Structure formats: C-alpha cells, structure tokens
C-alpha cells in the first residue's frame, strides 16, 4: 500500500528536522528528499517540491517484501511526472 499526497502542513526540511535521528537525505529525480525507514515494512518520504510544503509518500508492505523504501521511491518518481513544473 502506498499513500501519496501534497502536504501543505510542513516542508521537507521541517519533516527532516522532526526526525533527525532516523532521517536519511537522498535525491529523487533532482528533488531533495528526506527518507525515514520506520521499520522493515514501512518507509516515509518527504520531497522538497515547494517552499510551502512537500510531497509526502508513505509505503507499507507485508514483511518487508518488496523493500518499502524502494517502493516509495518508485511511487514518488511517478508522482513527480504529474506535478506542474516538476
């Protein structure tokens, strides 16, 4: 299961700052991204697509197969192709 949404409540930087101990900074299609692997079954991404918010992607898989972060990144890349000015 993957949830993708525009998050106007927080920027990618605010998302990352709130999760400093567990965040990994990556790049997805040229956008800075904060990635948090919650556990073996869940991964959350916040992509820096706007100064006023972020693209939020939350992937959840049964028992870590496939890798939830890989799955979340694939959905983020697909979502980026549908954003205006992305």
Foldseek 3Di string as FASTA:
>chain_A
DKDKDWFQPDAQVVVCVVVVVAWDWDAAPRWIKTWGDPDLFKIWIWTHPDPRTTIIMIFGDPPNVPPRVVVRSVVVNVVVVVDPPD
